Structure formats: structure tokens, C-alpha cells
Amino acid sequence: MSDTAAAIKAAREVQAEILAPELYRQANEFFFKAKNEYKFKNFREAKEYAEKSRRFAEQAEFEAIRNGADRVEDTALTPLANETTGPPPTTAPPAPKPEPYEYPNPTGTPYETYEKQQQASPTAPAPTPISSTP
């Protein structure tokens, strides 16, 4: 599988996807099938597909070179493959951590709170008792 991946990379470096598109496409299709079969532990089929893919990739590379291709750096074709090229990415400074929310400290019991409300306003409604049975 690694030989096949290297052959496809070499074909991509000589722009085989443009200069020998059919061979390059077949190489990629067989490589996809090889990886899929490998995933399902069908190693014999995976090996056969990988070998076919490698042969197509080598043919695509040869055809592209014969059509006048120049070898280009692979990172130029896939700019995200190597993040060290180009200007460094700009990153925002980390956001400041928010202060923790200060929870109120309750004092007394609910009944004491009710008594204080009654003293402040005698017309306040009485609390409704919660029954435990439906």
C-alpha cells in the first residue's frame, strides 16, 4: 500500500491528473478499492487492487513526463499538506477567563423569609403548601 501511495504521489508531482487524466483516475479508483478491501480485512483483494493502482500510477507518471511535464513540489499541489510554507497563520489571543459567578448565600429558612415578608407587608399572600400525594 505504501508503494502505491508513493507511486500516486509521484504521478501527482508530474501533474498526471492533467496530462494523463484517465490513467491517474484509474490509479486513484483502484487505490480507493484497495483501501476499502483492506479495511474489511480482504487482504488478497486489497493487494491485487493496490498492485493495479501502482501500475496505473506509474503509467500515468510516465505518460505525463512523455507529454512534457516538469516535476513540481507536492506541497504546491496540496497547500494544506505542509503548513510551514507561506506566512505564519494569525491567531487571536486567548480570551480572558470569566470571573466565577458569585452565588447568593441564603440565610434563614423559607418560613423565616415569609415572616419577614409578612412584617414588611401584611397583605402578602401566604405560601401554598406542596402536597406529596397527587
N, C-alpha and C. Protein backbone atom coordinates (compact mmCIF):
# COMPACT_ATOMS: atom_id res chain seq x y z
N MET A 1 0.83 -1.19 0.00
CA MET A 1 0.00 0.00 0.00
C MET A 1 0.87 1.25 0.00
N SER A 2 1.99 1.22 0.73
CA SER A 2 2.83 2.40 0.77
C SER A 2 3.53 2.64 -0.57
N ASP A 3 3.86 1.55 -1.26
CA ASP A 3 4.44 1.70 -2.61
C ASP A 3 3.43 2.36 -3.55
N THR A 4 2.19 1.95 -3.41
CA THR A 4 1.13 2.51 -4.26
C THR A 4 0.93 3.99 -3.95
N ALA A 5 0.92 4.32 -2.67
CA ALA A 5 0.75 5.72 -2.28
C ALA A 5 1.91 6.56 -2.82
N ALA A 6 3.12 6.02 -2.78
CA ALA A 6 4.28 6.74 -3.30
C ALA A 6 4.18 6.91 -4.81
N ALA A 7 3.68 5.89 -5.51
CA ALA A 7 3.54 5.98 -6.97
C ALA A 7 2.48 7.03 -7.34
N ILE A 8 1.39 7.08 -6.59
CA ILE A 8 0.36 8.09 -6.87
C ILE A 8 0.90 9.48 -6.57
N LYS A 9 1.68 9.61 -5.52
CA LYS A 9 2.27 10.91 -5.19
C LYS A 9 3.23 11.34 -6.30
N ALA A 10 4.02 10.40 -6.81
CA ALA A 10 4.96 10.73 -7.89
C ALA A 10 4.20 11.14 -9.15
N ALA A 11 3.09 10.48 -9.42
CA ALA A 11 2.27 10.85 -10.58
C ALA A 11 1.67 12.24 -10.39
N ARG A 12 1.26 12.54 -9.17
CA ARG A 12 0.70 13.86 -8.90
C ARG A 12 1.76 14.96 -9.05
N GLU A 13 3.00 14.64 -8.68
CA GLU A 13 4.09 15.61 -8.79
C GLU A 13 4.39 16.01 -10.23
N VAL A 14 4.09 15.14 -11.18
CA VAL A 14 4.32 15.47 -12.59
C VAL A 14 3.02 15.88 -13.27
N GLN A 15 2.03 16.22 -12.47
CA GLN A 15 0.74 16.71 -12.94
C GLN A 15 0.03 15.70 -13.85
N ALA A 16 0.06 14.45 -13.43
CA ALA A 16 -0.58 13.40 -14.23
C ALA A 16 -2.09 13.56 -14.26
N GLU A 17 -2.66 14.20 -13.26
CA GLU A 17 -4.12 14.39 -13.27
C GLU A 17 -4.55 15.30 -14.41
N ILE A 18 -3.60 16.09 -14.95
CA ILE A 18 -3.90 16.97 -16.08
C ILE A 18 -3.40 16.36 -17.39
N LEU A 19 -2.19 15.79 -17.37
CA LEU A 19 -1.55 15.32 -18.60
C LEU A 19 -1.87 13.85 -18.93
N ALA A 20 -2.32 13.09 -17.97
CA ALA A 20 -2.73 11.69 -18.22
C ALA A 20 -3.92 11.40 -17.30
N PRO A 21 -5.04 12.10 -17.52
CA PRO A 21 -6.13 12.03 -16.55
C PRO A 21 -6.78 10.65 -16.40
N GLU A 22 -6.92 9.92 -17.49
CA GLU A 22 -7.60 8.62 -17.40
C GLU A 22 -6.78 7.63 -16.59
N LEU A 23 -5.49 7.56 -16.85
CA LEU A 23 -4.64 6.64 -16.10
C LEU A 23 -4.58 7.04 -14.63
N TYR A 24 -4.49 8.33 -14.37
CA TYR A 24 -4.42 8.82 -12.99
C TYR A 24 -5.74 8.52 -12.25
N ARG A 25 -6.86 8.71 -12.94
CA ARG A 25 -8.16 8.43 -12.33
C ARG A 25 -8.28 6.95 -11.98
N GLN A 26 -7.86 6.08 -12.90
CA GLN A 26 -7.93 4.65 -12.64
C GLN A 26 -7.03 4.26 -11.47
N ALA A 27 -5.86 4.87 -11.39
CA ALA A 27 -4.96 4.59 -10.27
C ALA A 27 -5.63 4.96 -8.95
N ASN A 28 -6.28 6.11 -8.91
CA ASN A 28 -6.95 6.53 -7.69
C ASN A 28 -8.14 5.64 -7.35
N GLU A 29 -8.88 5.22 -8.36
CA GLU A 29 -10.03 4.33 -8.11
C GLU A 29 -9.57 2.99 -7.54
N PHE A 30 -8.53 2.41 -8.13
CA PHE A 30 -8.05 1.13 -7.63
C PHE A 30 -7.44 1.28 -6.23
N PHE A 31 -6.81 2.41 -5.96
CA PHE A 31 -6.25 2.64 -4.63
C PHE A 31 -7.38 2.76 -3.60
N PHE A 32 -8.45 3.44 -3.97
CA PHE A 32 -9.60 3.53 -3.08
C PHE A 32 -10.17 2.14 -2.80
N LYS A 33 -10.29 1.32 -3.85
CA LYS A 33 -10.80 -0.04 -3.66
C LYS A 33 -9.86 -0.85 -2.77
N ALA A 34 -8.56 -0.66 -2.96
CA ALA A 34 -7.58 -1.39 -2.14
C ALA A 34 -7.72 -1.02 -0.67
N LYS A 35 -7.85 0.27 -0.40
CA LYS A 35 -8.01 0.70 0.99
C LYS A 35 -9.31 0.17 1.58
N ASN A 36 -10.35 0.16 0.77
CA ASN A 36 -11.64 -0.33 1.24
C ASN A 36 -11.57 -1.83 1.56
N GLU A 37 -10.97 -2.61 0.69
CA GLU A 37 -10.83 -4.04 0.93
C GLU A 37 -9.94 -4.30 2.15
N TYR A 38 -8.91 -3.51 2.30
CA TYR A 38 -8.01 -3.66 3.45
C TYR A 38 -8.78 -3.40 4.74
N LYS A 39 -9.66 -2.41 4.70
CA LYS A 39 -10.47 -2.08 5.87
C LYS A 39 -11.34 -3.26 6.29
N PHE A 40 -11.83 -4.02 5.30
CA PHE A 40 -12.67 -5.18 5.57
C PHE A 40 -11.86 -6.46 5.73
N LYS A 41 -10.54 -6.31 5.84
CA LYS A 41 -9.61 -7.43 6.05
C LYS A 41 -9.61 -8.44 4.90
N ASN A 42 -9.93 -7.97 3.70
CA ASN A 42 -9.81 -8.79 2.50
C ASN A 42 -8.43 -8.49 1.90
N PHE A 43 -7.40 -9.06 2.49
CA PHE A 43 -6.04 -8.68 2.17
C PHE A 43 -5.61 -9.09 0.76
N ARG A 44 -6.07 -10.23 0.29
CA ARG A 44 -5.70 -10.67 -1.06
C ARG A 44 -6.24 -9.69 -2.10
N GLU A 45 -7.52 -9.32 -1.97
CA GLU A 45 -8.12 -8.38 -2.91
C GLU A 45 -7.47 -6.99 -2.78
N ALA A 46 -7.17 -6.61 -1.54
CA ALA A 46 -6.53 -5.32 -1.32
C ALA A 46 -5.17 -5.27 -2.01
N LYS A 47 -4.42 -6.36 -1.93
CA LYS A 47 -3.11 -6.41 -2.57
C LYS A 47 -3.24 -6.33 -4.09
N GLU A 48 -4.22 -7.04 -4.65
CA GLU A 48 -4.42 -7.02 -6.10
C GLU A 48 -4.80 -5.61 -6.58
N TYR A 49 -5.73 -4.97 -5.86
CA TYR A 49 -6.12 -3.61 -6.24
C TYR A 49 -4.95 -2.64 -6.08
N ALA A 50 -4.15 -2.81 -5.03
CA ALA A 50 -3.01 -1.92 -4.81
C ALA A 50 -1.98 -2.07 -5.94
N GLU A 51 -1.76 -3.31 -6.37
CA GLU A 51 -0.80 -3.52 -7.47
C GLU A 51 -1.32 -2.91 -8.77
N LYS A 52 -2.62 -3.06 -9.04
CA LYS A 52 -3.20 -2.44 -10.24
C LYS A 52 -3.08 -0.92 -10.15
N SER A 53 -3.37 -0.39 -8.99
CA SER A 53 -3.29 1.05 -8.80
C SER A 53 -1.86 1.55 -9.02
N ARG A 54 -0.90 0.83 -8.47
CA ARG A 54 0.51 1.24 -8.64
C ARG A 54 0.90 1.23 -10.11
N ARG A 55 0.48 0.19 -10.85
CA ARG A 55 0.81 0.13 -12.27
C ARG A 55 0.19 1.30 -13.03
N PHE A 56 -1.08 1.61 -12.74
CA PHE A 56 -1.72 2.74 -13.41
C PHE A 56 -1.04 4.06 -13.04
N ALA A 57 -0.65 4.20 -11.77
CA ALA A 57 0.02 5.43 -11.34
C ALA A 57 1.37 5.58 -12.04
N GLU A 58 2.10 4.48 -12.17
CA GLU A 58 3.39 4.55 -12.87
C GLU A 58 3.19 4.87 -14.35
N GLN A 59 2.17 4.28 -14.96
CA GLN A 59 1.89 4.59 -16.36
C GLN A 59 1.49 6.05 -16.52
N ALA A 60 0.69 6.55 -15.58
CA ALA A 60 0.26 7.95 -15.64
C ALA A 60 1.46 8.87 -15.49
N GLU A 61 2.36 8.52 -14.59
CA GLU A 61 3.57 9.33 -14.41
C GLU A 61 4.41 9.34 -15.69
N PHE A 62 4.63 8.16 -16.27
CA PHE A 62 5.41 8.06 -17.49
C PHE A 62 4.76 8.85 -18.62
N GLU A 63 3.44 8.70 -18.77
CA GLU A 63 2.71 9.41 -19.83
C GLU A 63 2.80 10.92 -19.64
N ALA A 64 2.69 11.37 -18.40
CA ALA A 64 2.77 12.81 -18.13
C ALA A 64 4.16 13.35 -18.47
N ILE A 65 5.20 12.59 -18.12
CA ILE A 65 6.57 13.02 -18.44
C ILE A 65 6.77 13.03 -19.95
N ARG A 66 6.23 12.01 -20.61
CA ARG A 66 6.34 11.96 -22.07
C ARG A 66 5.62 13.14 -22.73
N ASN A 67 4.56 13.64 -22.10
CA ASN A 67 3.83 14.79 -22.63
C ASN A 67 4.46 16.12 -22.21
N GLY A 68 5.65 16.09 -21.62
CA GLY A 68 6.38 17.33 -21.33
C GLY A 68 6.19 17.87 -19.94
N ALA A 69 5.83 17.05 -18.99
CA ALA A 69 5.62 17.53 -17.63
C ALA A 69 6.94 17.80 -16.93
N ASP A 70 6.91 18.77 -16.06
CA ASP A 70 8.03 19.03 -15.17
C ASP A 70 7.60 18.62 -13.78
N ARG A 71 8.52 18.07 -13.03
CA ARG A 71 8.20 17.65 -11.67
C ARG A 71 8.07 18.90 -10.81
N VAL A 72 6.95 18.99 -10.11
CA VAL A 72 6.72 20.11 -9.21
C VAL A 72 6.66 19.59 -7.79
N GLU A 73 6.88 20.50 -6.85
CA GLU A 73 6.85 20.12 -5.45
C GLU A 73 5.41 19.76 -5.08
N ASP A 74 5.25 18.69 -4.34
CA ASP A 74 3.91 18.20 -3.99
C ASP A 74 3.15 19.20 -3.15
N THR A 75 3.81 19.98 -2.31
CA THR A 75 3.10 20.92 -1.45
C THR A 75 2.47 22.04 -2.26
N ALA A 76 2.98 22.30 -3.47
CA ALA A 76 2.35 23.31 -4.31
C ALA A 76 0.99 22.83 -4.80
N LEU A 77 0.84 21.50 -4.95
CA LEU A 77 -0.43 20.96 -5.41
C LEU A 77 -1.43 20.83 -4.27
N THR A 78 -0.93 20.57 -3.09
CA THR A 78 -1.80 20.46 -1.92
C THR A 78 -1.29 21.42 -0.86
N PRO A 79 -1.77 22.66 -0.87
CA PRO A 79 -1.23 23.67 0.03
C PRO A 79 -1.44 23.38 1.50
N LEU A 80 -2.42 22.57 1.87
CA LEU A 80 -2.64 22.28 3.27
C LEU A 80 -1.78 21.14 3.78
N ALA A 81 -1.04 20.48 2.88
CA ALA A 81 -0.23 19.35 3.30
C ALA A 81 0.94 19.79 4.16
N ASN A 82 1.48 20.97 3.92
CA ASN A 82 2.63 21.44 4.66
C ASN A 82 2.33 22.85 5.16
N GLU A 83 2.07 22.97 6.42
CA GLU A 83 1.66 24.26 6.96
C GLU A 83 2.84 25.19 7.20
N THR A 84 4.07 24.73 7.01
CA THR A 84 5.22 25.59 7.29
C THR A 84 5.50 26.55 6.14
N THR A 85 4.92 26.31 4.96
CA THR A 85 5.17 27.22 3.84
C THR A 85 4.24 28.40 3.94
N GLY A 86 4.68 29.51 3.44
CA GLY A 86 3.86 30.71 3.44
C GLY A 86 3.94 31.45 4.76
N PRO A 87 3.20 32.54 4.86
CA PRO A 87 3.25 33.31 6.10
C PRO A 87 2.61 32.52 7.24
N PRO A 88 3.09 32.76 8.44
CA PRO A 88 2.51 32.02 9.56
C PRO A 88 1.06 32.43 9.78
N PRO A 89 0.22 31.50 10.19
CA PRO A 89 -1.18 31.84 10.41
C PRO A 89 -1.33 32.78 11.60
N THR A 90 -2.26 33.67 11.48
CA THR A 90 -2.50 34.59 12.58
C THR A 90 -3.50 33.96 13.53
N THR A 91 -3.21 34.07 14.80
CA THR A 91 -4.11 33.51 15.80
C THR A 91 -4.53 34.62 16.75
N ALA A 92 -5.73 34.54 17.18
CA ALA A 92 -6.25 35.52 18.11
C ALA A 92 -5.71 35.21 19.50
N PRO A 93 -5.49 36.24 20.31
CA PRO A 93 -5.04 35.97 21.67
C PRO A 93 -6.13 35.24 22.44
N PRO A 94 -5.75 34.45 23.42
CA PRO A 94 -6.78 33.71 24.15
C PRO A 94 -7.71 34.66 24.88
N ALA A 95 -8.96 34.28 24.93
CA ALA A 95 -9.95 35.11 25.61
C ALA A 95 -9.72 35.05 27.12
N PRO A 96 -9.94 36.16 27.80
CA PRO A 96 -9.74 36.13 29.25
C PRO A 96 -10.79 35.24 29.91
N LYS A 97 -10.37 34.60 30.97
CA LYS A 97 -11.29 33.72 31.68
C LYS A 97 -12.31 34.57 32.42
N PRO A 98 -13.59 34.21 32.32
CA PRO A 98 -14.59 34.99 33.04
C PRO A 98 -14.48 34.74 34.54
N GLU A 99 -14.82 35.76 35.29
CA GLU A 99 -14.83 35.62 36.74
C GLU A 99 -15.95 34.66 37.12
N PRO A 100 -15.73 33.83 38.13
CA PRO A 100 -16.80 32.91 38.52
C PRO A 100 -17.99 33.68 39.08
N TYR A 101 -19.16 33.14 38.80
CA TYR A 101 -20.39 33.77 39.26
C TYR A 101 -20.49 33.58 40.77
N GLU A 102 -20.80 34.64 41.45
CA GLU A 102 -20.92 34.56 42.89
C GLU A 102 -22.37 34.25 43.24
N TYR A 103 -22.58 33.08 43.80
CA TYR A 103 -23.92 32.66 44.16
C TYR A 103 -24.34 33.32 45.46
N PRO A 104 -25.61 33.69 45.57
CA PRO A 104 -26.06 34.31 46.82
C PRO A 104 -26.09 33.27 47.94
N ASN A 105 -25.75 33.72 49.12
CA ASN A 105 -25.79 32.83 50.28
C ASN A 105 -27.14 33.01 50.98
N PRO A 106 -27.99 31.98 50.94
CA PRO A 106 -29.28 32.13 51.60
C PRO A 106 -29.11 32.16 53.12
N THR A 107 -29.93 32.94 53.74
CA THR A 107 -29.90 32.99 55.20
C THR A 107 -31.29 32.65 55.70
N GLY A 108 -31.33 31.86 56.73
CA GLY A 108 -32.61 31.51 57.34
C GLY A 108 -33.33 30.42 56.57
N THR A 109 -34.55 30.16 57.01
CA THR A 109 -35.39 29.14 56.39
C THR A 109 -36.46 29.83 55.56
N PRO A 110 -37.15 29.11 54.70
CA PRO A 110 -38.22 29.73 53.93
C PRO A 110 -39.31 30.34 54.83
N TYR A 111 -39.57 29.72 55.98
CA TYR A 111 -40.59 30.25 56.86
C TYR A 111 -40.16 31.59 57.45
N GLU A 112 -38.87 31.67 57.82
CA GLU A 112 -38.36 32.94 58.36
C GLU A 112 -38.44 34.03 57.29
N THR A 113 -38.17 33.69 56.03
CA THR A 113 -38.28 34.64 54.94
C THR A 113 -39.72 35.10 54.80
N TYR A 114 -40.68 34.18 54.95
CA TYR A 114 -42.11 34.52 54.86
C TYR A 114 -42.51 35.46 56.00
N GLU A 115 -42.01 35.16 57.22
CA GLU A 115 -42.33 36.03 58.36
C GLU A 115 -41.82 37.45 58.13
N LYS A 116 -40.60 37.57 57.57
CA LYS A 116 -40.04 38.90 57.28
C LYS A 116 -40.90 39.62 56.26
N GLN A 117 -41.39 38.87 55.23
CA GLN A 117 -42.25 39.49 54.23
C GLN A 117 -43.57 39.93 54.86
N GLN A 118 -44.11 39.14 55.77
CA GLN A 118 -45.36 39.49 56.43
C GLN A 118 -45.21 40.73 57.29
N GLN A 119 -44.08 40.85 57.94
CA GLN A 119 -43.83 42.02 58.77
C GLN A 119 -43.69 43.26 57.91
N ALA A 120 -43.03 43.11 56.73
CA ALA A 120 -42.84 44.25 55.84
C ALA A 120 -44.14 44.61 55.12
N SER A 121 -44.91 43.63 54.73
CA SER A 121 -46.16 43.86 54.00
C SER A 121 -47.18 42.83 54.45
N PRO A 122 -48.07 43.20 55.32
CA PRO A 122 -49.03 42.22 55.85
C PRO A 122 -50.01 41.70 54.81
N THR A 123 -50.09 42.31 53.63
CA THR A 123 -51.04 41.84 52.62
C THR A 123 -50.43 40.82 51.67
N ALA A 124 -49.21 40.38 51.90
CA ALA A 124 -48.56 39.40 51.02
C ALA A 124 -49.30 38.07 51.13
N PRO A 125 -49.45 37.35 50.03
CA PRO A 125 -50.19 36.07 50.09
C PRO A 125 -49.41 35.01 50.86
N ALA A 126 -50.12 34.13 51.50
CA ALA A 126 -49.49 33.03 52.24
C ALA A 126 -48.94 32.01 51.27
N PRO A 127 -47.83 31.34 51.66
CA PRO A 127 -47.27 30.33 50.78
C PRO A 127 -48.21 29.15 50.62
N THR A 128 -48.19 28.56 49.46
CA THR A 128 -49.05 27.44 49.17
C THR A 128 -48.33 26.16 49.58
N PRO A 129 -48.92 25.33 50.43
CA PRO A 129 -48.24 24.09 50.81
C PRO A 129 -48.20 23.12 49.63
N ILE A 130 -47.12 22.39 49.53
CA ILE A 130 -46.95 21.40 48.47
C ILE A 130 -47.31 20.05 49.03
N SER A 131 -48.27 19.40 48.41
CA SER A 131 -48.69 18.08 48.91
C SER A 131 -47.83 17.01 48.24
N SER A 132 -47.59 15.95 48.98
CA SER A 132 -46.76 14.87 48.46
C SER A 132 -47.58 13.82 47.73
N THR A 133 -48.88 13.88 47.84
CA THR A 133 -49.73 12.91 47.14
C THR A 133 -50.47 13.62 46.01
N PRO A 134 -50.71 12.92 44.92
CA PRO A 134 -51.37 13.57 43.78
C PRO A 134 -52.85 13.80 43.97
